[in-house]
Amino acid sequence: MCPEWTNDYTIFRDWSLNNGYQEGLEIDRENTNDNYEPSNCRWVTRKENTRKTRGIKLTLVMTNEIRELYATGNYTQQELADKYTISRRTINFIINNKQWR
């Protein structure tokens, strides 16, 4: 975390209020490999933040279920991404057999 935020809560508070903070939002790093600092942070919903979570483990059963659900035509790729808490890109790879064969 940047020293300004660590050493002075009011600086962090003021940045937050001027950059979209609302009750229920979570702080998010745009680049997860960089620090918590004004140029790399934003306020997002839990749903948006969860999409970036690393370490989601998909099983072969889950990937087959994703393919089957998509094939019904009742789900968009984004709806499946939300349902399984993974990126739409991963859903695209799964339904196009680019991974999880």
Protein backbone atom coordinates (compact mmCIF):
# COMPACT_ATOMS: atom_id res chain seq x y z
CA MET A 1 0.00 0.00 0.00
CA CYS A 2 1.25 3.45 -0.79
CA PRO A 3 2.75 5.29 2.21
CA GLU A 4 0.33 8.21 1.92
CA TRP A 5 -2.65 5.91 2.50
CA THR A 6 -0.91 3.98 5.27
CA ASN A 7 0.22 7.07 7.15
CA ASP A 8 -2.85 9.30 6.81
CA TYR A 9 -6.37 7.89 6.73
CA THR A 10 -7.84 11.20 5.59
CA ILE A 11 -5.81 11.07 2.37
CA PHE A 12 -7.20 7.58 1.66
CA ARG A 13 -10.72 8.69 2.63
CA ASP A 14 -10.57 11.75 0.39
CA TRP A 15 -9.23 9.68 -2.53
CA SER A 16 -12.02 7.15 -1.99
CA LEU A 17 -14.80 9.72 -1.92
CA ASN A 18 -13.43 11.42 -5.04
CA ASN A 19 -13.06 8.13 -6.93
CA GLY A 20 -16.43 6.49 -6.74
CA TYR A 21 -16.59 4.96 -3.27
CA GLN A 22 -20.10 3.94 -2.25
CA GLU A 23 -21.40 1.70 0.51
CA GLY A 24 -21.02 -1.95 -0.52
CA LEU A 25 -18.15 -1.47 -2.97
CA GLU A 26 -14.73 -3.10 -2.60
CA ILE A 27 -11.33 -1.71 -3.46
CA ASP A 28 -9.74 -3.37 -6.47
CA ARG A 29 -6.33 -3.19 -8.08
CA GLU A 30 -6.62 -2.80 -11.83
CA ASN A 31 -3.29 -4.62 -12.20
CA THR A 32 -3.15 -7.31 -9.52
CA ASN A 33 0.64 -7.40 -9.69
CA ASP A 34 0.99 -3.72 -8.77
CA ASN A 35 0.51 -1.97 -5.43
CA TYR A 36 -2.52 -0.49 -3.76
CA GLU A 37 -2.04 3.12 -4.83
CA PRO A 38 -4.24 5.80 -6.41
CA SER A 39 -3.15 5.14 -9.98
CA ASN A 40 -3.88 1.40 -9.70
CA CYS A 41 -7.05 1.25 -7.61
CA ARG A 42 -10.76 1.66 -8.15
CA TRP A 43 -14.04 0.79 -6.41
CA VAL A 44 -15.99 -2.19 -7.77
CA THR A 45 -18.83 -4.48 -6.78
CA ARG A 46 -18.13 -7.86 -5.18
CA LYS A 47 -19.27 -9.51 -8.43
CA GLU A 48 -16.70 -7.55 -10.46
CA ASN A 49 -13.99 -8.24 -7.89
CA THR A 50 -14.73 -11.96 -7.76
CA ARG A 51 -14.18 -12.32 -11.49
CA LYS A 52 -10.52 -11.50 -10.97
CA THR A 53 -10.01 -13.99 -8.16
CA ARG A 54 -7.17 -16.36 -8.80
CA GLY A 55 -7.19 -20.05 -8.04
CA ILE A 56 -10.69 -21.02 -9.15
CA LYS A 57 -10.55 -24.79 -9.61
CA LEU A 58 -12.76 -26.20 -12.34
CA THR A 59 -13.32 -29.91 -12.60
CA LEU A 60 -13.95 -31.84 -15.78
CA VAL A 61 -17.53 -32.33 -14.60
CA MET A 62 -17.98 -28.56 -14.27
CA THR A 63 -16.52 -27.84 -17.69
CA ASN A 64 -18.80 -30.43 -19.30
CA GLU A 65 -21.74 -28.85 -17.48
CA ILE A 66 -20.72 -25.43 -18.84
CA ARG A 67 -20.64 -26.82 -22.38
CA GLU A 68 -24.03 -28.47 -21.92
CA LEU A 69 -25.64 -25.34 -20.48
CA TYR A 70 -24.24 -23.17 -23.26
CA ALA A 71 -25.47 -25.63 -25.90
CA THR A 72 -29.05 -25.23 -24.64
CA GLY A 73 -29.02 -21.63 -25.85
CA ASN A 74 -30.42 -20.48 -22.52
CA TYR A 75 -27.18 -18.92 -21.27
CA THR A 76 -24.80 -16.33 -22.63
CA GLN A 77 -21.08 -16.70 -22.03
CA GLN A 78 -21.23 -13.84 -19.52
CA GLU A 79 -24.09 -15.49 -17.60
CA LEU A 80 -22.05 -18.68 -17.33
CA ALA A 81 -18.99 -16.71 -16.25
CA ASP A 82 -21.06 -15.11 -13.50
CA LYS A 83 -22.57 -18.44 -12.47
CA TYR A 84 -19.17 -20.14 -12.15
CA THR A 85 -17.27 -17.05 -10.97
CA ILE A 86 -14.74 -17.21 -13.79
CA SER A 87 -13.93 -14.92 -16.70
CA ARG A 88 -15.92 -14.86 -19.91
CA ARG A 89 -12.66 -15.60 -21.69
CA THR A 90 -12.33 -18.88 -19.78
CA ILE A 91 -15.92 -19.76 -20.68
CA ASN A 92 -15.10 -19.08 -24.33
CA PHE A 93 -12.07 -21.37 -24.15
CA ILE A 94 -14.14 -24.12 -22.55
CA ILE A 95 -17.04 -24.04 -25.01
CA ASN A 96 -14.64 -23.92 -27.96
CA ASN A 97 -12.58 -26.83 -26.58
CA LYS A 98 -9.43 -24.74 -26.35
CA GLN A 99 -8.88 -26.02 -22.83
CA TRP A 100 -10.41 -28.58 -20.48
CA ARG A 101 -10.69 -31.35 -23.03
